[in-house]
Amino acid sequence: MLAGAPQGLWVPLVRLLKTRRRSRAESQVVSFLARVRHEDLDVLKELAEDGKLIPVIDRECSLAEVPDAVRHLGTRQARGKVVIRVD
């Protein structure tokens, strides 16, 4: 999900997703963007505050470790989000 993205980001992002979908058509991978609504974010906020929504974090990396984090994601072995710490 992409929330709060600047408007200028949507065109290149859509192009990227279309290219990705075409290049992986034989493996039946489908990419999509969710339409984020304020009401949905309120529900997610409430779930997180109540402790009912727990993120799954595979690993945390520093900004200097971003290349390694991207390589890890490329292996498709990540079992959750990879968080980048910006100190």
PDB file of N, CA and C in Angstrom:
ATOM      1  N   MET A   1       0.843  -1.154   0.000  1.00  0.00           N
ATOM      2  CA  MET A   1       0.000   0.000   0.000  1.00  0.00           C
ATOM      3  C   MET A   1       0.891   1.221   0.000  1.00  0.00           C
ATOM      4  N   LEU A   2       0.488   2.246  -0.694  1.00  0.00           N
ATOM      5  CA  LEU A   2       1.225   3.487  -0.772  1.00  0.00           C
ATOM      6  C   LEU A   2       0.313   4.585  -0.274  1.00  0.00           C
ATOM      7  N   ALA A   3       0.620   5.134   0.872  1.00  0.00           N
ATOM      8  CA  ALA A   3      -0.223   6.173   1.456  1.00  0.00           C
ATOM      9  C   ALA A   3       0.547   7.476   1.505  1.00  0.00           C
ATOM     10  N   GLY A   4      -0.109   8.553   1.121  1.00  0.00           N
ATOM     11  CA  GLY A   4       0.492   9.863   1.202  1.00  0.00           C
ATOM     12  C   GLY A   4       1.528  10.142   0.134  1.00  0.00           C
ATOM     13  N   ALA A   5       1.476   9.439  -0.969  1.00  0.00           N
ATOM     14  CA  ALA A   5       2.463   9.656  -2.031  1.00  0.00           C
ATOM     15  C   ALA A   5       2.163  10.954  -2.769  1.00  0.00           C
ATOM     16  N   PRO A   6       3.214  11.678  -3.154  1.00  0.00           N
ATOM     17  CA  PRO A   6       2.977  12.899  -3.921  1.00  0.00           C
ATOM     18  C   PRO A   6       2.353  12.578  -5.268  1.00  0.00           C
ATOM     19  N   GLN A   7       1.578  13.505  -5.786  1.00  0.00           N
ATOM     20  CA  GLN A   7       0.860  13.247  -7.034  1.00  0.00           C
ATOM     21  C   GLN A   7       1.794  12.926  -8.193  1.00  0.00           C
ATOM     22  N   GLY A   8       2.958  13.537  -8.239  1.00  0.00           N
ATOM     23  CA  GLY A   8       3.885  13.298  -9.336  1.00  0.00           C
ATOM     24  C   GLY A   8       4.442  11.892  -9.361  1.00  0.00           C
ATOM     25  N   LEU A   9       4.237  11.135  -8.310  1.00  0.00           N
ATOM     26  CA  LEU A   9       4.774   9.780  -8.227  1.00  0.00           C
ATOM     27  C   LEU A   9       3.880   8.753  -8.920  1.00  0.00           C
ATOM     28  N   TRP A  10       2.620   9.048  -9.095  1.00  0.00           N
ATOM     29  CA  TRP A  10       1.676   8.052  -9.594  1.00  0.00           C
ATOM     30  C   TRP A  10       1.972   7.593 -11.018  1.00  0.00           C
ATOM     31  N   VAL A  11       2.310   8.508 -11.925  1.00  0.00           N
ATOM     32  CA  VAL A  11       2.538   8.122 -13.326  1.00  0.00           C
ATOM     33  C   VAL A  11       3.700   7.139 -13.445  1.00  0.00           C
ATOM     34  N   PRO A  12       4.898   7.451 -12.883  1.00  0.00           N
ATOM     35  CA  PRO A  12       5.978   6.459 -13.001  1.00  0.00           C
ATOM     36  C   PRO A  12       5.677   5.158 -12.264  1.00  0.00           C
ATOM     37  N   LEU A  13       4.937   5.251 -11.159  1.00  0.00           N
ATOM     38  CA  LEU A  13       4.602   4.040 -10.415  1.00  0.00           C
ATOM     39  C   LEU A  13       3.689   3.136 -11.236  1.00  0.00           C
ATOM     40  N   VAL A  14       2.700   3.703 -11.879  1.00  0.00           N
ATOM     41  CA  VAL A  14       1.794   2.903 -12.717  1.00  0.00           C
ATOM     42  C   VAL A  14       2.567   2.267 -13.867  1.00  0.00           C
ATOM     43  N   ARG A  15       3.474   3.020 -14.480  1.00  0.00           N
ATOM     44  CA  ARG A  15       4.294   2.453 -15.566  1.00  0.00           C
ATOM     45  C   ARG A  15       5.123   1.283 -15.062  1.00  0.00           C
ATOM     46  N   LEU A  16       5.715   1.452 -13.881  1.00  0.00           N
ATOM     47  CA  LEU A  16       6.515   0.381 -13.298  1.00  0.00           C
ATOM     48  C   LEU A  16       5.678  -0.866 -13.054  1.00  0.00           C
ATOM     49  N   LEU A  17       4.496  -0.688 -12.516  1.00  0.00           N
ATOM     50  CA  LEU A  17       3.631  -1.836 -12.238  1.00  0.00           C
ATOM     51  C   LEU A  17       3.185  -2.529 -13.519  1.00  0.00           C
ATOM     52  N   LYS A  18       2.887  -1.755 -14.557  1.00  0.00           N
ATOM     53  CA  LYS A  18       2.491  -2.365 -15.833  1.00  0.00           C
ATOM     54  C   LYS A  18       3.639  -3.175 -16.416  1.00  0.00           C
ATOM     55  N   THR A  19       4.857  -2.629 -16.343  1.00  0.00           N
ATOM     56  CA  THR A  19       6.034  -3.348 -16.847  1.00  0.00           C
ATOM     57  C   THR A  19       6.253  -4.617 -16.059  1.00  0.00           C
ATOM     58  N   ARG A  20       6.120  -4.526 -14.744  1.00  0.00           N
ATOM     59  CA  ARG A  20       6.309  -5.700 -13.881  1.00  0.00           C
ATOM     60  C   ARG A  20       5.282  -6.768 -14.214  1.00  0.00           C
ATOM     61  N   ARG A  21       4.030  -6.348 -14.421  1.00  0.00           N
ATOM     62  CA  ARG A  21       2.975  -7.316 -14.715  1.00  0.00           C
ATOM     63  C   ARG A  21       3.252  -8.006 -16.045  1.00  0.00           C
ATOM     64  N   ARG A  22       3.695  -7.242 -17.055  1.00  0.00           N
ATOM     65  CA  ARG A  22       3.992  -7.833 -18.357  1.00  0.00           C
ATOM     66  C   ARG A  22       5.164  -8.802 -18.264  1.00  0.00           C
ATOM     67  N   SER A  23       6.210  -8.421 -17.514  1.00  0.00           N
ATOM     68  CA  SER A  23       7.409  -9.258 -17.464  1.00  0.00           C
ATOM     69  C   SER A  23       7.180 -10.554 -16.687  1.00  0.00           C
ATOM     70  N   ARG A  24       6.162 -10.580 -15.833  1.00  0.00           N
ATOM     71  CA  ARG A  24       5.904 -11.779 -15.029  1.00  0.00           C
ATOM     72  C   ARG A  24       4.590 -12.458 -15.401  1.00  0.00           C
ATOM     73  N   ALA A  25       4.079 -12.151 -16.551  1.00  0.00           N
ATOM     74  CA  ALA A  25       2.777 -12.695 -16.942  1.00  0.00           C
ATOM     75  C   ALA A  25       2.759 -14.216 -16.900  1.00  0.00           C
ATOM     76  N   GLU A  26       3.875 -14.838 -17.257  1.00  0.00           N
ATOM     77  CA  GLU A  26       3.893 -16.296 -17.280  1.00  0.00           C
ATOM     78  C   GLU A  26       3.820 -16.895 -15.881  1.00  0.00           C
ATOM     79  N   SER A  27       4.168 -16.152 -14.835  1.00  0.00           N
ATOM     80  CA  SER A  27       4.100 -16.695 -13.486  1.00  0.00           C
ATOM     81  C   SER A  27       2.829 -16.267 -12.748  1.00  0.00           C
ATOM     82  N   GLN A  28       1.926 -15.593 -13.430  1.00  0.00           N
ATOM     83  CA  GLN A  28       0.625 -15.201 -12.889  1.00  0.00           C
ATOM     84  C   GLN A  28       0.725 -14.253 -11.693  1.00  0.00           C
ATOM     85  N   VAL A  29       1.759 -13.417 -11.662  1.00  0.00           N
ATOM     86  CA  VAL A  29       1.880 -12.416 -10.603  1.00  0.00           C
ATOM     87  C   VAL A  29       1.087 -11.192 -11.013  1.00  0.00           C
ATOM     88  N   VAL A  30       0.247 -10.716 -10.114  1.00  0.00           N
ATOM     89  CA  VAL A  30      -0.573  -9.541 -10.410  1.00  0.00           C
ATOM     90  C   VAL A  30      -0.276  -8.474  -9.364  1.00  0.00           C
ATOM     91  N   SER A  31       0.052  -7.289  -9.824  1.00  0.00           N
ATOM     92  CA  SER A  31       0.300  -6.164  -8.922  1.00  0.00           C
ATOM     93  C   SER A  31      -0.936  -5.283  -8.909  1.00  0.00           C
ATOM     94  N   PHE A  32      -1.164  -4.606  -7.807  1.00  0.00           N
ATOM     95  CA  PHE A  32      -2.298  -3.692  -7.743  1.00  0.00           C
ATOM     96  C   PHE A  32      -2.006  -2.588  -6.750  1.00  0.00           C
ATOM     97  N   LEU A  33      -2.730  -1.517  -6.872  1.00  0.00           N
ATOM     98  CA  LEU A  33      -2.678  -0.418  -5.920  1.00  0.00           C
ATOM     99  C   LEU A  33      -4.029  -0.323  -5.242  1.00  0.00           C
ATOM    100  N   ALA A  34      -4.004  -0.146  -3.952  1.00  0.00           N
ATOM    101  CA  ALA A  34      -5.258  -0.001  -3.212  1.00  0.00           C
ATOM    102  C   ALA A  34      -5.633   1.477  -3.147  1.00  0.00           C
ATOM    103  N   ARG A  35      -6.882   1.758  -3.269  1.00  0.00           N
ATOM    104  CA  ARG A  35      -7.352   3.126  -3.060  1.00  0.00           C
ATOM    105  C   ARG A  35      -7.500   3.321  -1.556  1.00  0.00           C
ATOM    106  N   VAL A  36      -6.736   4.232  -1.026  1.00  0.00           N
ATOM    107  CA  VAL A  36      -6.716   4.463   0.411  1.00  0.00           C
ATOM    108  C   VAL A  36      -7.765   5.513   0.751  1.00  0.00           C
ATOM    109  N   ARG A  37      -8.660   5.143   1.650  1.00  0.00           N
ATOM    110  CA  ARG A  37      -9.694   6.082   2.100  1.00  0.00           C
ATOM    111  C   ARG A  37      -9.442   6.430   3.560  1.00  0.00           C
ATOM    112  N   HIS A  38      -9.775   7.645   3.932  1.00  0.00           N
ATOM    113  CA  HIS A  38      -9.556   8.126   5.289  1.00  0.00           C
ATOM    114  C   HIS A  38     -10.249   7.219   6.305  1.00  0.00           C
ATOM    115  N   GLU A  39     -11.446   6.765   5.999  1.00  0.00           N
ATOM    116  CA  GLU A  39     -12.197   5.908   6.923  1.00  0.00           C
ATOM    117  C   GLU A  39     -11.459   4.594   7.167  1.00  0.00           C
ATOM    118  N   ASP A  40     -10.857   4.048   6.115  1.00  0.00           N
ATOM    119  CA  ASP A  40     -10.106   2.797   6.262  1.00  0.00           C
ATOM    120  C   ASP A  40      -8.882   2.996   7.155  1.00  0.00           C
ATOM    121  N   LEU A  41      -8.219   4.129   6.978  1.00  0.00           N
ATOM    122  CA  LEU A  41      -7.053   4.414   7.810  1.00  0.00           C
ATOM    123  C   LEU A  41      -7.449   4.597   9.271  1.00  0.00           C
ATOM    124  N   ASP A  42      -8.623   5.165   9.512  1.00  0.00           N
ATOM    125  CA  ASP A  42      -9.113   5.303  10.888  1.00  0.00           C
ATOM    126  C   ASP A  42      -9.324   3.932  11.529  1.00  0.00           C
ATOM    127  N   VAL A  43      -9.889   2.998  10.769  1.00  0.00           N
ATOM    128  CA  VAL A  43     -10.109   1.645  11.285  1.00  0.00           C
ATOM    129  C   VAL A  43      -8.768   0.976  11.593  1.00  0.00           C
ATOM    130  N   LEU A  44      -7.805   1.110  10.678  1.00  0.00           N
ATOM    131  CA  LEU A  44      -6.480   0.533  10.917  1.00  0.00           C
ATOM    132  C   LEU A  44      -5.827   1.155  12.140  1.00  0.00           C
ATOM    133  N   LYS A  45      -5.982   2.455  12.317  1.00  0.00           N
ATOM    134  CA  LYS A  45      -5.424   3.156  13.476  1.00  0.00           C
ATOM    135  C   LYS A  45      -6.010   2.589  14.765  1.00  0.00           C
ATOM    136  N   GLU A  46      -7.319   2.406  14.784  1.00  0.00           N
ATOM    137  CA  GLU A  46      -7.981   1.865  15.975  1.00  0.00           C
ATOM    138  C   GLU A  46      -7.506   0.445  16.275  1.00  0.00           C
ATOM    139  N   LEU A  47      -7.386  -0.377  15.243  1.00  0.00           N
ATOM    140  CA  LEU A  47      -6.896  -1.744  15.438  1.00  0.00           C
ATOM    141  C   LEU A  47      -5.477  -1.747  15.999  1.00  0.00           C
ATOM    142  N   ALA A  48      -4.616  -0.856  15.473  1.00  0.00           N
ATOM    143  CA  ALA A  48      -3.241  -0.776  15.962  1.00  0.00           C
ATOM    144  C   ALA A  48      -3.205  -0.302  17.407  1.00  0.00           C
ATOM    145  N   GLU A  49      -4.006   0.695  17.729  1.00  0.00           N
ATOM    146  CA  GLU A  49      -4.043   1.210  19.101  1.00  0.00           C
ATOM    147  C   GLU A  49      -4.559   0.167  20.087  1.00  0.00           C
ATOM    148  N   ASP A  50      -5.470  -0.694  19.633  1.00  0.00           N
ATOM    149  CA  ASP A  50      -6.023  -1.746  20.494  1.00  0.00           C
ATOM    150  C   ASP A  50      -5.122  -2.978  20.558  1.00  0.00           C
ATOM    151  N   GLY A  51      -4.002  -2.955  19.825  1.00  0.00           N
ATOM    152  CA  GLY A  51      -3.085  -4.089  19.827  1.00  0.00           C
ATOM    153  C   GLY A  51      -3.550  -5.258  18.991  1.00  0.00           C
ATOM    154  N   LYS A  52      -4.537  -5.034  18.125  1.00  0.00           N
ATOM    155  CA  LYS A  52      -5.084  -6.110  17.295  1.00  0.00           C
ATOM    156  C   LYS A  52      -4.417  -6.174  15.919  1.00  0.00           C
ATOM    157  N   LEU A  53      -3.636  -5.172  15.592  1.00  0.00           N
ATOM    158  CA  LEU A  53      -2.929  -5.126  14.315  1.00  0.00           C
ATOM    159  C   LEU A  53      -1.440  -5.074  14.631  1.00  0.00           C
ATOM    160  N   ILE A  54      -0.770  -6.157  14.348  1.00  0.00           N
ATOM    161  CA  ILE A  54       0.645  -6.257  14.685  1.00  0.00           C
ATOM    162  C   ILE A  54       1.439  -6.453  13.391  1.00  0.00           C
ATOM    163  N   PRO A  55       2.330  -5.512  13.079  1.00  0.00           N
ATOM    164  CA  PRO A  55       3.116  -5.663  11.849  1.00  0.00           C
ATOM    165  C   PRO A  55       4.106  -6.812  11.968  1.00  0.00           C
ATOM    166  N   VAL A  56       4.336  -7.487  10.879  1.00  0.00           N
ATOM    167  CA  VAL A  56       5.329  -8.548  10.830  1.00  0.00           C
ATOM    168  C   VAL A  56       6.589  -7.943  10.216  1.00  0.00           C
ATOM    169  N   ILE A  57       7.638  -7.864  11.016  1.00  0.00           N
ATOM    170  CA  ILE A  57       8.883  -7.255  10.563  1.00  0.00           C
ATOM    171  C   ILE A  57       9.934  -8.344  10.428  1.00  0.00           C
ATOM    172  N   ASP A  58      10.437  -8.499   9.215  1.00  0.00           N
ATOM    173  CA  ASP A  58      11.463  -9.503   8.939  1.00  0.00           C
ATOM    174  C   ASP A  58      12.798  -9.065   9.527  1.00  0.00           C
ATOM    175  N   ARG A  59      13.166  -7.799   9.305  1.00  0.00           N
ATOM    176  CA  ARG A  59      14.422  -7.276   9.838  1.00  0.00           C
ATOM    177  C   ARG A  59      14.426  -5.761   9.784  1.00  0.00           C
ATOM    178  N   GLU A  60      15.297  -5.192  10.587  1.00  0.00           N
ATOM    179  CA  GLU A  60      15.519  -3.745  10.588  1.00  0.00           C
ATOM    180  C   GLU A  60      16.931  -3.488  10.102  1.00  0.00           C
ATOM    181  N   CYS A  61      17.086  -2.458   9.276  1.00  0.00           N
ATOM    182  CA  CYS A  61      18.391  -2.129   8.727  1.00  0.00           C
ATOM    183  C   CYS A  61      18.637  -0.636   8.878  1.00  0.00           C
ATOM    184  N   SER A  62      19.900  -0.268   8.939  1.00  0.00           N
ATOM    185  CA  SER A  62      20.246   1.144   8.940  1.00  0.00           C
ATOM    186  C   SER A  62      20.216   1.648   7.501  1.00  0.00           C
ATOM    187  N   LEU A  63      20.279   2.939   7.340  1.00  0.00           N
ATOM    188  CA  LEU A  63      20.271   3.525   6.000  1.00  0.00           C
ATOM    189  C   LEU A  63      21.468   3.021   5.191  1.00  0.00           C
ATOM    190  N   ALA A  64      22.585   2.805   5.850  1.00  0.00           N
ATOM    191  CA  ALA A  64      23.781   2.310   5.158  1.00  0.00           C
ATOM    192  C   ALA A  64      23.604   0.874   4.652  1.00  0.00           C
ATOM    193  N   GLU A  65      22.673   0.135   5.229  1.00  0.00           N
ATOM    194  CA  GLU A  65      22.457  -1.265   4.850  1.00  0.00           C
ATOM    195  C   GLU A  65      21.361  -1.447   3.800  1.00  0.00           C
ATOM    196  N   VAL A  66      20.897  -0.355   3.212  1.00  0.00           N
ATOM    197  CA  VAL A  66      19.805  -0.442   2.225  1.00  0.00           C
ATOM    198  C   VAL A  66      20.145  -1.379   1.062  1.00  0.00           C
ATOM    199  N   PRO A  67      21.352  -1.311   0.476  1.00  0.00           N
ATOM    200  CA  PRO A  67      21.640  -2.254  -0.630  1.00  0.00           C
ATOM    201  C   PRO A  67      21.458  -3.723  -0.224  1.00  0.00           C
ATOM    202  N   ASP A  68      21.906  -4.074   0.981  1.00  0.00           N
ATOM    203  CA  ASP A  68      21.722  -5.453   1.455  1.00  0.00           C
ATOM    204  C   ASP A  68      20.243  -5.766   1.661  1.00  0.00           C
ATOM    205  N   ALA A  69      19.486  -4.791   2.170  1.00  0.00           N
ATOM    206  CA  ALA A  69      18.049  -4.989   2.391  1.00  0.00           C
ATOM    207  C   ALA A  69      17.330  -5.218   1.065  1.00  0.00           C
ATOM    208  N   VAL A  70      17.697  -4.456   0.041  1.00  0.00           N
ATOM    209  CA  VAL A  70      17.063  -4.615  -1.275  1.00  0.00           C
ATOM    210  C   VAL A  70      17.410  -5.986  -1.851  1.00  0.00           C
ATOM    211  N   ARG A  71      18.658  -6.400  -1.698  1.00  0.00           N
ATOM    212  CA  ARG A  71      19.042  -7.744  -2.176  1.00  0.00           C
ATOM    213  C   ARG A  71      18.251  -8.823  -1.450  1.00  0.00           C
ATOM    214  N   HIS A  72      18.065  -8.648  -0.152  1.00  0.00           N
ATOM    215  CA  HIS A  72      17.287  -9.618   0.631  1.00  0.00           C
ATOM    216  C   HIS A  72      15.850  -9.693   0.106  1.00  0.00           C
ATOM    217  N   LEU A  73      15.255  -8.544  -0.160  1.00  0.00           N
ATOM    218  CA  LEU A  73      13.894  -8.549  -0.706  1.00  0.00           C
ATOM    219  C   LEU A  73      13.856  -9.235  -2.064  1.00  0.00           C
ATOM    220  N   GLY A  74      14.903  -9.044  -2.848  1.00  0.00           N
ATOM    221  CA  GLY A  74      14.967  -9.660  -4.180  1.00  0.00           C
ATOM    222  C   GLY A  74      15.017 -11.163  -4.141  1.00  0.00           C
ATOM    223  N   THR A  75      15.453 -11.740  -3.035  1.00  0.00           N
ATOM    224  CA  THR A  75      15.502 -13.200  -2.929  1.00  0.00           C
ATOM    225  C   THR A  75      14.123 -13.791  -2.656  1.00  0.00           C
ATOM    226  N   ARG A  76      13.157 -12.924  -2.325  1.00  0.00           N
ATOM    227  CA  ARG A  76      11.795 -13.339  -1.989  1.00  0.00           C
ATOM    228  C   ARG A  76      11.746 -14.227  -0.745  1.00  0.00           C
ATOM    229  N   GLN A  77      12.727 -14.088   0.115  1.00  0.00           N
ATOM    230  CA  GLN A  77      12.751 -14.867   1.346  1.00  0.00           C
ATOM    231  C   GLN A  77      12.291 -14.062   2.552  1.00  0.00           C
ATOM    232  N   ALA A  78      12.043 -12.782   2.372  1.00  0.00           N
ATOM    233  CA  ALA A  78      11.581 -11.956   3.485  1.00  0.00           C
ATOM    234  C   ALA A  78      10.205 -12.446   3.939  1.00  0.00           C
ATOM    235  N   ARG A  79      10.036 -12.610   5.219  1.00  0.00           N
ATOM    236  CA  ARG A  79       8.769 -13.093   5.784  1.00  0.00           C
ATOM    237  C   ARG A  79       8.012 -11.988   6.485  1.00  0.00           C
ATOM    238  N   GLY A  80       8.252 -10.768   6.061  1.00  0.00           N
ATOM    239  CA  GLY A  80       7.592  -9.597   6.634  1.00  0.00           C
ATOM    240  C   GLY A  80       8.200  -8.363   6.025  1.00  0.00           C
ATOM    241  N   LYS A  81       7.936  -7.236   6.640  1.00  0.00           N
ATOM    242  CA  LYS A  81       8.459  -5.969   6.142  1.00  0.00           C
ATOM    243  C   LYS A  81       9.931  -5.817   6.524  1.00  0.00           C
ATOM    244  N   VAL A  82      10.658  -5.154   5.664  1.00  0.00           N
ATOM    245  CA  VAL A  82      12.037  -4.769   5.961  1.00  0.00           C
ATOM    246  C   VAL A  82      11.991  -3.283   6.294  1.00  0.00           C
ATOM    247  N   VAL A  83      12.379  -2.965   7.515  1.00  0.00           N
ATOM    248  CA  VAL A  83      12.294  -1.589   8.003  1.00  0.00           C
ATOM    249  C   VAL A  83      13.661  -0.930   7.905  1.00  0.00           C
ATOM    250  N   ILE A  84      13.691   0.282   7.349  1.00  0.00           N
ATOM    251  CA  ILE A  84      14.919   1.043   7.240  1.00  0.00           C
ATOM    252  C   ILE A  84      14.893   2.131   8.304  1.00  0.00           C
ATOM    253  N   ARG A  85      15.886   2.113   9.189  1.00  0.00           N
ATOM    254  CA  ARG A  85      15.993   3.131  10.241  1.00  0.00           C
ATOM    255  C   ARG A  85      16.763   4.329   9.682  1.00  0.00           C
ATOM    256  N   VAL A  86      16.205   5.504   9.850  1.00  0.00           N
ATOM    257  CA  VAL A  86      16.878   6.739   9.470  1.00  0.00           C
ATOM    258  C   VAL A  86      17.208   7.462  10.764  1.00  0.00           C
ATOM    259  N   ASP A  87      18.455   7.403  11.167  1.00  0.00           N
ATOM    260  CA  ASP A  87      18.875   8.000  12.445  1.00  0.00           C
ATOM    261  C   ASP A  87      19.054   9.497  12.320  1.00  0.00           C
TER     262      ASP A  87
END
